[in-house]
PDB file of N, CA and C in Angstrom:
ATOM      1  N   MET A   1       0.389  -1.277   0.245  1.00  0.00           N
ATOM      2  CA  MET A   1       0.070   0.384   0.192  1.00  0.00           C
ATOM      3  C   MET A   1       1.023   1.439   0.077  1.00  0.00           C
ATOM      4  N   GLU A   2       2.111   1.188   0.841  1.00  0.00           N
ATOM      5  CA  GLU A   2       2.705   2.632   0.815  1.00  0.00           C
ATOM      6  C   GLU A   2       3.303   2.583  -0.639  1.00  0.00           C
ATOM      7  N   ASP A   3       3.962   1.660  -1.047  1.00  0.00           N
ATOM      8  CA  ASP A   3       4.344   1.859  -2.495  1.00  0.00           C
ATOM      9  C   ASP A   3       3.642   2.724  -3.554  1.00  0.00           C
ATOM     10  N   THR A   4       2.012   2.287  -3.608  1.00  0.00           N
ATOM     11  CA  THR A   4       1.204   2.650  -4.273  1.00  0.00           C
ATOM     12  C   THR A   4       0.872   4.219  -3.990  1.00  0.00           C
ATOM     13  N   PHE A   5       0.853   4.745  -2.836  1.00  0.00           N
ATOM     14  CA  PHE A   5       0.648   5.805  -1.936  1.00  0.00           C
ATOM     15  C   PHE A   5       2.028   6.552  -2.514  1.00  0.00           C
ATOM     16  N   ASN A   6       2.981   5.999  -2.335  1.00  0.00           N
ATOM     17  CA  ASN A   6       4.284   7.017  -2.599  1.00  0.00           C
ATOM     18  C   ASN A   6       4.524   7.064  -4.292  1.00  0.00           C
ATOM     19  N   GLN A   7       3.590   6.092  -4.851  1.00  0.00           N
ATOM     20  CA  GLN A   7       4.082   6.695  -6.559  1.00  0.00           C
ATOM     21  C   GLN A   7       2.850   7.582  -7.028  1.00  0.00           C
ATOM     22  N   LEU A   8       1.551   7.716  -6.263  1.00  0.00           N
ATOM     23  CA  LEU A   8       0.747   8.834  -5.984  1.00  0.00           C
ATOM     24  C   LEU A   8       1.494  10.139  -5.654  1.00  0.00           C
ATOM     25  N   LYS A   9       1.986  10.095  -4.522  1.00  0.00           N
ATOM     26  CA  LYS A   9       2.626  11.191  -4.229  1.00  0.00           C
ATOM     27  C   LYS A   9       3.901  11.607  -5.241  1.00  0.00           C
ATOM     28  N   LYS A  10       4.091  10.938  -5.801  1.00  0.00           N
ATOM     29  CA  LYS A  10       5.704  11.158  -6.637  1.00  0.00           C
ATOM     30  C   LYS A  10       4.831  11.820  -7.919  1.00  0.00           C
ATOM     31  N   ASN A  11       3.656  11.535  -8.719  1.00  0.00           N
ATOM     32  CA  ASN A  11       2.998  12.164  -9.308  1.00  0.00           C
ATOM     33  C   ASN A  11       2.412  13.345  -8.962  1.00  0.00           C
ATOM     34  N   GLY A  12       2.355  13.952  -7.830  1.00  0.00           N
ATOM     35  CA  GLY A  12       1.280  14.649  -7.534  1.00  0.00           C
ATOM     36  C   GLY A  12      -0.261  14.523  -7.473  1.00  0.00           C
ATOM     37  N   GLN A  13      -0.212  12.912  -6.814  1.00  0.00           N
ATOM     38  CA  GLN A  13      -1.833  12.792  -7.417  1.00  0.00           C
ATOM     39  C   GLN A  13      -2.293  12.137  -6.024  1.00  0.00           C
ATOM     40  N   ASN A  14      -1.858  12.693  -4.869  1.00  0.00           N
ATOM     41  CA  ASN A  14      -2.379  12.075  -3.606  1.00  0.00           C
ATOM     42  C   ASN A  14      -3.306  12.782  -2.895  1.00  0.00           C
ATOM     43  N   ASN A  15      -4.041  13.350  -3.638  1.00  0.00           N
ATOM     44  CA  ASN A  15      -5.388  13.968  -3.450  1.00  0.00           C
ATOM     45  C   ASN A  15      -6.478  13.118  -2.632  1.00  0.00           C
ATOM     46  N   VAL A  16      -7.188  14.118  -1.847  1.00  0.00           N
ATOM     47  CA  VAL A  16      -8.625  13.336  -1.113  1.00  0.00           C
ATOM     48  C   VAL A  16      -9.449  12.889  -2.397  1.00  0.00           C
ATOM     49  N   ASP A  17      -9.533  13.068  -3.521  1.00  0.00           N
ATOM     50  CA  ASP A  17     -10.194  12.569  -4.240  1.00  0.00           C
ATOM     51  C   ASP A  17      -9.831  11.339  -4.705  1.00  0.00           C
ATOM     52  N   ASN A  18      -8.560  11.056  -5.470  1.00  0.00           N
ATOM     53  CA  ASN A  18      -7.689   9.898  -5.503  1.00  0.00           C
ATOM     54  C   ASN A  18      -8.080   9.083  -4.205  1.00  0.00           C
ATOM     55  N   LEU A  19      -7.307   9.398  -3.293  1.00  0.00           N
ATOM     56  CA  LEU A  19      -7.485   8.293  -2.067  1.00  0.00           C
ATOM     57  C   LEU A  19      -8.958   7.690  -1.766  1.00  0.00           C
ATOM     58  N   VAL A  20      -9.836   8.760  -2.067  1.00  0.00           N
ATOM     59  CA  VAL A  20     -11.418   8.098  -1.953  1.00  0.00           C
ATOM     60  C   VAL A  20     -11.645   6.791  -2.931  1.00  0.00           C
ATOM     61  N   CYS A  21     -11.302   7.450  -4.395  1.00  0.00           N
ATOM     62  CA  CYS A  21     -11.360   6.617  -5.229  1.00  0.00           C
ATOM     63  C   CYS A  21     -10.680   5.376  -5.054  1.00  0.00           C
ATOM     64  N   TRP A  22      -9.203   5.417  -4.462  1.00  0.00           N
ATOM     65  CA  TRP A  22      -8.741   4.255  -4.540  1.00  0.00           C
ATOM     66  C   TRP A  22      -9.361   3.234  -3.635  1.00  0.00           C
ATOM     67  N   MET A  23      -9.857   3.449  -2.532  1.00  0.00           N
ATOM     68  CA  MET A  23     -10.615   3.057  -1.554  1.00  0.00           C
ATOM     69  C   MET A  23     -11.952   2.623  -2.169  1.00  0.00           C
ATOM     70  N   LYS A  24     -12.847   3.011  -2.835  1.00  0.00           N
ATOM     71  CA  LYS A  24     -13.712   2.805  -3.688  1.00  0.00           C
ATOM     72  C   LYS A  24     -13.277   1.304  -4.433  1.00  0.00           C
ATOM     73  N   ASP A  25     -12.355   1.918  -5.376  1.00  0.00           N
ATOM     74  CA  ASP A  25     -11.912   0.759  -6.112  1.00  0.00           C
ATOM     75  C   ASP A  25     -11.847  -0.675  -5.235  1.00  0.00           C
ATOM     76  N   SER A  26     -10.940  -0.398  -4.274  1.00  0.00           N
ATOM     77  CA  SER A  26     -10.770  -1.373  -3.688  1.00  0.00           C
ATOM     78  C   SER A  26     -11.627  -2.261  -2.469  1.00  0.00           C
ATOM     79  N   LYS A  27     -13.155  -1.356  -2.540  1.00  0.00           N
ATOM     80  CA  LYS A  27     -14.504  -1.883  -2.131  1.00  0.00           C
ATOM     81  C   LYS A  27     -14.053  -1.621  -0.385  1.00  0.00           C
ATOM     82  N   ILE A  28     -13.332  -0.796  -0.136  1.00  0.00           N
ATOM     83  CA  ILE A  28     -13.448  -0.494   1.192  1.00  0.00           C
ATOM     84  C   ILE A  28     -14.513  -0.162   1.371  1.00  0.00           C
ATOM     85  N   VAL A  29     -14.661   1.608   0.492  1.00  0.00           N
ATOM     86  CA  VAL A  29     -16.197   2.100   0.627  1.00  0.00           C
ATOM     87  C   VAL A  29     -17.016   1.264  -0.361  1.00  0.00           C
ATOM     88  N   ASP A  30     -17.777   0.871   0.144  1.00  0.00           N
ATOM     89  CA  ASP A  30     -19.221   0.110  -0.438  1.00  0.00           C
ATOM     90  C   ASP A  30     -20.339   0.744  -0.279  1.00  0.00           C
ATOM     91  N   GLY A  31     -20.525   2.175   0.033  1.00  0.00           N
ATOM     92  CA  GLY A  31     -21.527   2.745   0.043  1.00  0.00           C
ATOM     93  C   GLY A  31     -22.921   2.338   0.664  1.00  0.00           C
ATOM     94  N   VAL A  32     -22.576   1.400   1.839  1.00  0.00           N
ATOM     95  CA  VAL A  32     -23.541   1.080   2.636  1.00  0.00           C
ATOM     96  C   VAL A  32     -23.026   1.319   3.912  1.00  0.00           C
ATOM     97  N   LYS A  33     -22.244   0.468   4.303  1.00  0.00           N
ATOM     98  CA  LYS A  33     -21.509   0.576   5.772  1.00  0.00           C
ATOM     99  C   LYS A  33     -20.811   1.496   5.606  1.00  0.00           C
ATOM    100  N   VAL A  34     -19.528   1.701   4.748  1.00  0.00           N
ATOM    101  CA  VAL A  34     -18.658   2.813   4.415  1.00  0.00           C
ATOM    102  C   VAL A  34     -19.241   3.781   3.481  1.00  0.00           C
ATOM    103  N   THR A  35     -19.274   4.895   3.425  1.00  0.00           N
ATOM    104  CA  THR A  35     -19.828   5.945   2.478  1.00  0.00           C
ATOM    105  C   THR A  35     -18.865   6.533   2.326  1.00  0.00           C
ATOM    106  N   GLU A  36     -18.707   7.148   0.950  1.00  0.00           N
ATOM    107  CA  GLU A  36     -17.933   8.263   0.415  1.00  0.00           C
ATOM    108  C   GLU A  36     -17.692   9.624   1.464  1.00  0.00           C
ATOM    109  N   ALA A  37     -18.954   9.703   1.776  1.00  0.00           N
ATOM    110  CA  ALA A  37     -18.808  11.296   3.101  1.00  0.00           C
ATOM    111  C   ALA A  37     -18.419  10.394   4.407  1.00  0.00           C
ATOM    112  N   ASN A  38     -18.436   9.601   4.814  1.00  0.00           N
ATOM    113  CA  ASN A  38     -17.698   8.821   5.693  1.00  0.00           C
ATOM    114  C   ASN A  38     -16.385   9.208   5.736  1.00  0.00           C
ATOM    115  N   VAL A  39     -15.760   8.019   4.490  1.00  0.00           N
ATOM    116  CA  VAL A  39     -14.548   8.750   4.341  1.00  0.00           C
ATOM    117  C   VAL A  39     -14.037   9.722   4.331  1.00  0.00           C
ATOM    118  N   ARG A  40     -14.827  11.214   3.638  1.00  0.00           N
ATOM    119  CA  ARG A  40     -14.146  12.393   3.240  1.00  0.00           C
ATOM    120  C   ARG A  40     -14.182  12.902   4.781  1.00  0.00           C
ATOM    121  N   LYS A  41     -15.046  12.636   5.600  1.00  0.00           N
ATOM    122  CA  LYS A  41     -14.690  13.232   7.253  1.00  0.00           C
ATOM    123  C   LYS A  41     -13.819  12.999   7.453  1.00  0.00           C
ATOM    124  N   LEU A  42     -12.621  11.761   7.221  1.00  0.00           N
ATOM    125  CA  LEU A  42     -11.793  11.556   7.941  1.00  0.00           C
ATOM    126  C   LEU A  42     -10.803  12.445   7.434  1.00  0.00           C
ATOM    127  N   PHE A  43     -10.812  13.091   6.376  1.00  0.00           N
ATOM    128  CA  PHE A  43      -9.822  13.847   5.585  1.00  0.00           C
ATOM    129  C   PHE A  43     -10.037  15.557   5.772  1.00  0.00           C
ATOM    130  N   GLU A  44     -11.158  15.907   7.063  1.00  0.00           N
ATOM    131  CA  GLU A  44     -11.703  17.288   7.000  1.00  0.00           C
ATOM    132  C   GLU A  44     -10.220  18.083   7.589  1.00  0.00           C
ATOM    133  N   ASP A  45      -9.805  17.340   8.413  1.00  0.00           N
ATOM    134  CA  ASP A  45      -8.448  18.467   8.960  1.00  0.00           C
ATOM    135  C   ASP A  45      -7.687  18.696   7.924  1.00  0.00           C
ATOM    136  N   VAL A  46      -7.340  17.927   6.986  1.00  0.00           N
ATOM    137  CA  VAL A  46      -6.201  17.867   6.177  1.00  0.00           C
ATOM    138  C   VAL A  46      -6.371  19.400   5.490  1.00  0.00           C
ATOM    139  N   LYS A  47      -4.831  20.404   5.935  1.00  0.00           N
ATOM    140  CA  LYS A  47      -4.754  21.576   5.424  1.00  0.00           C
ATOM    141  C   LYS A  47      -4.813  21.744   4.061  1.00  0.00           C
ATOM    142  N   ASP A  48      -4.180  20.743   3.341  1.00  0.00           N
ATOM    143  CA  ASP A  48      -4.000  20.865   1.872  1.00  0.00           C
ATOM    144  C   ASP A  48      -4.510  19.092   1.163  1.00  0.00           C
ATOM    145  N   LYS A  49      -5.621  19.477   0.527  1.00  0.00           N
ATOM    146  CA  LYS A  49      -6.437  18.209  -0.103  1.00  0.00           C
ATOM    147  C   LYS A  49      -6.373  17.786  -1.183  1.00  0.00           C
ATOM    148  N   GLU A  50      -5.115  18.358  -1.903  1.00  0.00           N
ATOM    149  CA  GLU A  50      -4.235  18.025  -3.007  1.00  0.00           C
ATOM    150  C   GLU A  50      -3.114  17.313  -2.661  1.00  0.00           C
ATOM    151  N   ASN A  51      -2.625  17.340  -1.580  1.00  0.00           N
ATOM    152  CA  ASN A  51      -1.502  16.767  -1.076  1.00  0.00           C
ATOM    153  C   ASN A  51      -1.528  16.406   0.094  1.00  0.00           C
ATOM    154  N   VAL A  52      -2.331  14.779   0.379  1.00  0.00           N
ATOM    155  CA  VAL A  52      -2.469  14.174   1.577  1.00  0.00           C
ATOM    156  C   VAL A  52      -1.013  13.563   1.994  1.00  0.00           C
ATOM    157  N   GLU A  53      -0.580  13.520   3.361  1.00  0.00           N
ATOM    158  CA  GLU A  53       0.656  12.820   3.498  1.00  0.00           C
ATOM    159  C   GLU A  53       0.292  11.468   4.124  1.00  0.00           C
ATOM    160  N   LEU A  54       1.247  10.432   4.029  1.00  0.00           N
ATOM    161  CA  LEU A  54       0.895   9.300   4.070  1.00  0.00           C
ATOM    162  C   LEU A  54       0.496   8.987   5.477  1.00  0.00           C
ATOM    163  N   GLU A  55       1.018   9.550   6.327  1.00  0.00           N
ATOM    164  CA  GLU A  55       0.765   9.154   7.952  1.00  0.00           C
ATOM    165  C   GLU A  55      -0.880   9.497   7.766  1.00  0.00           C
ATOM    166  N   LYS A  56      -1.448  11.024   7.471  1.00  0.00           N
ATOM    167  CA  LYS A  56      -2.766  11.069   7.735  1.00  0.00           C
ATOM    168  C   LYS A  56      -3.757   9.817   6.755  1.00  0.00           C
ATOM    169  N   PHE A  57      -3.275   9.401   5.879  1.00  0.00           N
ATOM    170  CA  PHE A  57      -3.888   8.397   5.106  1.00  0.00           C
ATOM    171  C   PHE A  57      -4.012   6.962   6.031  1.00  0.00           C
ATOM    172  N   GLN A  58      -2.602   6.970   6.643  1.00  0.00           N
ATOM    173  CA  GLN A  58      -2.854   5.633   7.713  1.00  0.00           C
ATOM    174  C   GLN A  58      -3.885   5.981   8.683  1.00  0.00           C
ATOM    175  N   GLN A  59      -3.416   7.075   9.017  1.00  0.00           N
ATOM    176  CA  GLN A  59      -4.582   7.441  10.040  1.00  0.00           C
ATOM    177  C   GLN A  59      -5.786   7.064   9.891  1.00  0.00           C
ATOM    178  N   ALA A  60      -6.253   7.558   8.646  1.00  0.00           N
ATOM    179  CA  ALA A  60      -7.782   7.551   8.040  1.00  0.00           C
ATOM    180  C   ALA A  60      -7.917   5.990   8.127  1.00  0.00           C
ATOM    181  N   ILE A  61      -7.120   5.287   7.513  1.00  0.00           N
ATOM    182  CA  ILE A  61      -7.443   4.101   7.469  1.00  0.00           C
ATOM    183  C   ILE A  61      -7.409   3.090   8.748  1.00  0.00           C
ATOM    184  N   SER A  62      -6.904   3.566   9.667  1.00  0.00           N
ATOM    185  CA  SER A  62      -6.916   3.347  11.204  1.00  0.00           C
ATOM    186  C   SER A  62      -8.183   3.469  11.940  1.00  0.00           C
ATOM    187  N   THR A  63      -8.765   4.485  11.656  1.00  0.00           N
ATOM    188  CA  THR A  63     -10.082   5.207  12.173  1.00  0.00           C
ATOM    189  C   THR A  63     -10.929   4.128  11.342  1.00  0.00           C
ATOM    190  N   LEU A  64     -11.346   4.203  10.158  1.00  0.00           N
ATOM    191  CA  LEU A  64     -12.113   3.499   9.194  1.00  0.00           C
ATOM    192  C   LEU A  64     -12.175   2.469   9.957  1.00  0.00           C
ATOM    193  N   ALA A  65     -10.787   1.579   9.725  1.00  0.00           N
ATOM    194  CA  ALA A  65     -11.206   0.272  10.402  1.00  0.00           C
ATOM    195  C   ALA A  65     -11.846  -0.196  11.792  1.00  0.00           C
ATOM    196  N   ALA A  66     -11.747   0.963  12.505  1.00  0.00           N
ATOM    197  CA  ALA A  66     -11.912   0.574  14.246  1.00  0.00           C
ATOM    198  C   ALA A  66     -13.204   0.936  14.122  1.00  0.00           C
ATOM    199  N   GLU A  67     -13.898   1.624  13.417  1.00  0.00           N
ATOM    200  CA  GLU A  67     -15.359   2.178  13.081  1.00  0.00           C
ATOM    201  C   GLU A  67     -15.922   1.080  12.613  1.00  0.00           C
ATOM    202  N   GLN A  68     -15.030  -0.092  11.953  1.00  0.00           N
ATOM    203  CA  GLN A  68     -16.016  -1.077  11.270  1.00  0.00           C
ATOM    204  C   GLN A  68     -15.538  -2.265  11.889  1.00  0.00           C
ATOM    205  N   LYS A  69     -14.887  -2.167  13.203  1.00  0.00           N
ATOM    206  CA  LYS A  69     -14.340  -3.092  13.822  1.00  0.00           C
ATOM    207  C   LYS A  69     -13.663  -4.379  13.074  1.00  0.00           C
ATOM    208  N   LYS A  70     -12.892  -3.658  12.183  1.00  0.00           N
ATOM    209  CA  LYS A  70     -11.812  -4.387  11.748  1.00  0.00           C
ATOM    210  C   LYS A  70     -10.545  -4.030  11.854  1.00  0.00           C
ATOM    211  N   LYS A  71      -9.737  -5.097  11.545  1.00  0.00           N
ATOM    212  CA  LYS A  71      -8.187  -4.321  11.625  1.00  0.00           C
ATOM    213  C   LYS A  71      -7.749  -3.594  10.620  1.00  0.00           C
ATOM    214  N   ALA A  72      -6.744  -2.760  10.888  1.00  0.00           N
ATOM    215  CA  ALA A  72      -6.248  -1.563   9.724  1.00  0.00           C
ATOM    216  C   ALA A  72      -5.157  -2.701   8.763  1.00  0.00           C
ATOM    217  N   GLU A  73      -4.805  -3.387   8.910  1.00  0.00           N
ATOM    218  CA  GLU A  73      -4.174  -4.520   8.092  1.00  0.00           C
ATOM    219  C   GLU A  73      -4.650  -4.927   6.616  1.00  0.00           C
ATOM    220  N   GLU A  74      -6.241  -5.098   7.323  1.00  0.00           N
ATOM    221  CA  GLU A  74      -7.048  -5.814   6.321  1.00  0.00           C
ATOM    222  C   GLU A  74      -7.468  -4.809   5.124  1.00  0.00           C
ATOM    223  N   PHE A  75      -7.658  -3.354   5.628  1.00  0.00           N
ATOM    224  CA  PHE A  75      -7.843  -2.540   4.956  1.00  0.00           C
ATOM    225  C   PHE A  75      -6.177  -2.098   3.614  1.00  0.00           C
ATOM    226  N   THR A  76      -5.187  -2.371   4.802  1.00  0.00           N
ATOM    227  CA  THR A  76      -4.007  -1.792   3.762  1.00  0.00           C
ATOM    228  C   THR A  76      -3.918  -3.197   2.923  1.00  0.00           C
ATOM    229  N   THR A  77      -4.114  -4.341   3.358  1.00  0.00           N
ATOM    230  CA  THR A  77      -3.948  -5.386   2.315  1.00  0.00           C
ATOM    231  C   THR A  77      -4.746  -5.516   1.211  1.00  0.00           C
ATOM    232  N   THR A  78      -5.812  -4.986   1.250  1.00  0.00           N
ATOM    233  CA  THR A  78      -6.632  -4.914   0.247  1.00  0.00           C
ATOM    234  C   THR A  78      -6.535  -3.453  -0.809  1.00  0.00           C
ATOM    235  N   LEU A  79      -5.953  -2.482  -0.131  1.00  0.00           N
ATOM    236  CA  LEU A  79      -5.533  -1.332  -0.865  1.00  0.00           C
ATOM    237  C   LEU A  79      -4.388  -1.883  -1.447  1.00  0.00           C
ATOM    238  N   ALA A  80      -3.420  -2.418  -1.173  1.00  0.00           N
ATOM    239  CA  ALA A  80      -2.334  -3.045  -1.926  1.00  0.00           C
ATOM    240  C   ALA A  80      -2.050  -3.901  -2.927  1.00  0.00           C
ATOM    241  N   ALA A  81      -3.289  -4.770  -2.654  1.00  0.00           N
ATOM    242  CA  ALA A  81      -3.711  -5.501  -3.987  1.00  0.00           C
ATOM    243  C   ALA A  81      -4.451  -4.593  -5.106  1.00  0.00           C
ATOM    244  N   GLU A  82      -5.238  -3.948  -4.558  1.00  0.00           N
ATOM    245  CA  GLU A  82      -5.668  -3.112  -5.848  1.00  0.00           C
ATOM    246  C   GLU A  82      -4.919  -1.881  -6.320  1.00  0.00           C
ATOM    247  N   GLY A  83      -3.922  -1.909  -5.782  1.00  0.00           N
ATOM    248  CA  GLY A  83      -2.779  -0.641  -6.095  1.00  0.00           C
ATOM    249  C   GLY A  83      -2.115  -0.586  -7.239  1.00  0.00           C
ATOM    250  N   THR A  84      -1.624  -1.500  -7.816  1.00  0.00           N
ATOM    251  CA  THR A  84      -1.205  -1.427  -9.041  1.00  0.00           C
ATOM    252  C   THR A  84      -2.027  -0.915 -10.598  1.00  0.00           C
ATOM    253  N   LYS A  85      -3.230  -1.757 -10.072  1.00  0.00           N
ATOM    254  CA  LYS A  85      -4.466  -1.611 -11.307  1.00  0.00           C
ATOM    255  C   LYS A  85      -5.318  -0.487 -11.114  1.00  0.00           C
ATOM    256  N   PHE A  86      -5.413   0.397  -9.753  1.00  0.00           N
ATOM    257  CA  PHE A  86      -5.553   1.529  -9.750  1.00  0.00           C
ATOM    258  C   PHE A  86      -4.625   2.793 -10.044  1.00  0.00           C
ATOM    259  N   LEU A  87      -3.513   2.295 -10.183  1.00  0.00           N
ATOM    260  CA  LEU A  87      -2.403   3.425 -10.578  1.00  0.00           C
ATOM    261  C   LEU A  87      -2.294   3.437 -11.965  1.00  0.00           C
ATOM    262  N   SER A  88      -2.678   2.438 -12.885  1.00  0.00           N
ATOM    263  CA  SER A  88      -3.009   2.259 -14.345  1.00  0.00           C
ATOM    264  C   SER A  88      -4.256   3.056 -14.581  1.00  0.00           C
ATOM    265  N   ALA A  89      -5.207   2.982 -13.455  1.00  0.00           N
ATOM    266  CA  ALA A  89      -6.301   3.739 -13.984  1.00  0.00           C
ATOM    267  C   ALA A  89      -5.962   5.601 -13.748  1.00  0.00           C
ATOM    268  N   VAL A  90      -5.304   5.958 -12.728  1.00  0.00           N
ATOM    269  CA  VAL A  90      -5.183   6.998 -12.767  1.00  0.00           C
ATOM    270  C   VAL A  90      -4.304   7.604 -13.447  1.00  0.00           C
ATOM    271  N   ALA A  91      -3.001   6.707 -14.201  1.00  0.00           N
ATOM    272  CA  ALA A  91      -2.515   7.212 -15.495  1.00  0.00           C
ATOM    273  C   ALA A  91      -3.061   7.581 -16.287  1.00  0.00           C
ATOM    274  N   ALA A  92      -3.961   6.290 -16.768  1.00  0.00           N
ATOM    275  CA  ALA A  92      -4.664   6.641 -17.819  1.00  0.00           C
ATOM    276  C   ALA A  92      -5.634   7.812 -18.202  1.00  0.00           C
ATOM    277  N   ALA A  93      -6.435   8.170 -16.507  1.00  0.00           N
ATOM    278  CA  ALA A  93      -7.206   9.259 -16.631  1.00  0.00           C
ATOM    279  C   ALA A  93      -6.365  10.809 -16.634  1.00  0.00           C
ATOM    280  N   ALA A  94      -5.466  10.615 -16.496  1.00  0.00           N
ATOM    281  CA  ALA A  94      -4.596  12.043 -16.712  1.00  0.00           C
ATOM    282  C   ALA A  94      -3.892  12.235 -17.931  1.00  0.00           C
ATOM    283  N   ALA A  95      -3.504  11.099 -18.621  1.00  0.00           N
ATOM    284  CA  ALA A  95      -3.309  11.208 -20.194  1.00  0.00           C
ATOM    285  C   ALA A  95      -4.486  11.724 -21.212  1.00  0.00           C
ATOM    286  N   ALA A  96      -5.578  10.895 -20.431  1.00  0.00           N
ATOM    287  CA  ALA A  96      -6.741  11.401 -21.390  1.00  0.00           C
ATOM    288  C   ALA A  96      -7.114  13.021 -20.875  1.00  0.00           C
ATOM    289  N   ALA A  97      -7.192  13.074 -19.905  1.00  0.00           N
ATOM    290  CA  ALA A  97      -7.363  14.699 -19.366  1.00  0.00           C
ATOM    291  C   ALA A  97      -6.274  15.590 -20.041  1.00  0.00           C
ATOM    292  N   SER A  98      -5.058  15.353 -20.045  1.00  0.00           N
ATOM    293  CA  SER A  98      -4.317  15.772 -20.849  1.00  0.00           C
ATOM    294  C   SER A  98      -4.412  15.971 -22.523  1.00  0.00           C
ATOM    295  N   GLY A  99      -5.080  15.018 -23.233  1.00  0.00           N
ATOM    296  CA  GLY A  99      -5.318  14.816 -24.393  1.00  0.00           C
ATOM    297  C   GLY A  99      -6.184  15.614 -24.824  1.00  0.00           C
ATOM    298  N   ALA A 100      -7.237  15.682 -23.961  1.00  0.00           N
ATOM    299  CA  ALA A 100      -8.333  16.392 -23.995  1.00  0.00           C
ATOM    300  C   ALA A 100      -8.212  17.696 -24.122  1.00  0.00           C
ATOM    301  N   ALA A 101      -7.192  18.394 -23.119  1.00  0.00           N
ATOM    302  CA  ALA A 101      -7.089  19.731 -22.532  1.00  0.00           C
ATOM    303  C   ALA A 101      -6.006  20.190 -24.125  1.00  0.00           C
ATOM    304  N   ALA A 102      -5.410  19.348 -24.361  1.00  0.00           N
ATOM    305  CA  ALA A 102      -4.136  19.629 -25.473  1.00  0.00           C
ATOM    306  C   ALA A 102      -5.003  19.458 -26.754  1.00  0.00           C
ATOM    307  N   ALA A 103      -6.123  19.059 -27.107  1.00  0.00           N
ATOM    308  CA  ALA A 103      -7.177  19.041 -28.171  1.00  0.00           C
ATOM    309  C   ALA A 103      -7.891  20.363 -28.291  1.00  0.00           C
ATOM    310  N   ALA A 104      -8.241  20.586 -26.845  1.00  0.00           N
ATOM    311  CA  ALA A 104      -9.220  21.823 -26.935  1.00  0.00           C
ATOM    312  C   ALA A 104      -8.088  23.598 -27.207  1.00  0.00           C
ATOM    313  N   PHE A 105      -6.831  22.982 -26.730  1.00  0.00           N
ATOM    314  CA  PHE A 105      -6.287  24.303 -26.847  1.00  0.00           C
ATOM    315  C   PHE A 105      -5.960  24.308 -28.169  1.00  0.00           C
ATOM    316  N   LYS A 106      -5.771  23.281 -29.164  1.00  0.00           N
ATOM    317  CA  LYS A 106      -5.424  23.558 -30.242  1.00  0.00           C
ATOM    318  C   LYS A 106      -6.620  23.963 -31.317  1.00  0.00           C
ATOM    319  N   GLN A 107      -7.848  23.540 -30.668  1.00  0.00           N
ATOM    320  CA  GLN A 107      -9.066  24.079 -31.368  1.00  0.00           C
ATOM    321  C   GLN A 107      -9.199  25.339 -31.531  1.00  0.00           C
ATOM    322  N   ALA A 108      -9.304  26.042 -30.064  1.00  0.00           N
ATOM    323  CA  ALA A 108      -9.133  27.333 -29.898  1.00  0.00           C
ATOM    324  C   ALA A 108      -8.151  28.209 -30.526  1.00  0.00           C
ATOM    325  N   MET A 109      -7.165  27.784 -30.705  1.00  0.00           N
ATOM    326  CA  MET A 109      -5.732  28.315 -31.233  1.00  0.00           C
ATOM    327  C   MET A 109      -5.851  28.318 -32.892  1.00  0.00           C
ATOM    328  N   GLU A 110      -6.749  27.538 -33.415  1.00  0.00           N
ATOM    329  CA  GLU A 110      -6.943  27.304 -34.419  1.00  0.00           C
ATOM    330  C   GLU A 110      -8.064  28.072 -35.185  1.00  0.00           C
ATOM    331  N   LYS A 111      -9.011  28.842 -34.112  1.00  0.00           N
ATOM    332  CA  LYS A 111     -10.132  29.569 -34.239  1.00  0.00           C
ATOM    333  C   LYS A 111      -9.438  30.986 -34.743  1.00  0.00           C
ATOM    334  N   LYS A 112      -8.537  31.512 -34.008  1.00  0.00           N
ATOM    335  CA  LYS A 112      -8.012  32.600 -33.809  1.00  0.00           C
ATOM    336  C   LYS A 112      -7.562  33.630 -35.226  1.00  0.00           C
TER     337      LYS A 112
END
C-alpha cells in the first residue's frame, strides 16, 4: 500500500479525491456500511486536500477500520492488492485529460 501511495505522491496525485477513489475501487467504501461521505470526513482536518501525507492516510484507514470493527491491516492489504490496477487507471485518466486539454487548446488556437 505504501508503494502505491508513494507513487501517487511522486506523480502529484495524492489528493483526497484519488484516495477516496482508491478506497472505492478496493471495495473498502461500499456505499452501505462505509460511504464516501464517511471517508471524506476523515480528511476534513487535512490542510492541503491536494497533497495528503501518508501518515494522515494511514490514520484515516486506522480510524475507519476501528469504526468497522476490523483491523487496519485488512484494509491496507486490500489497498495494496488493488494498487497496481488503481495506478494504471489514474495514469490513463491523467493521459486522457491531458489529451483532451491539448485538443481543446489546439482547437482554440485554430479559431484565432
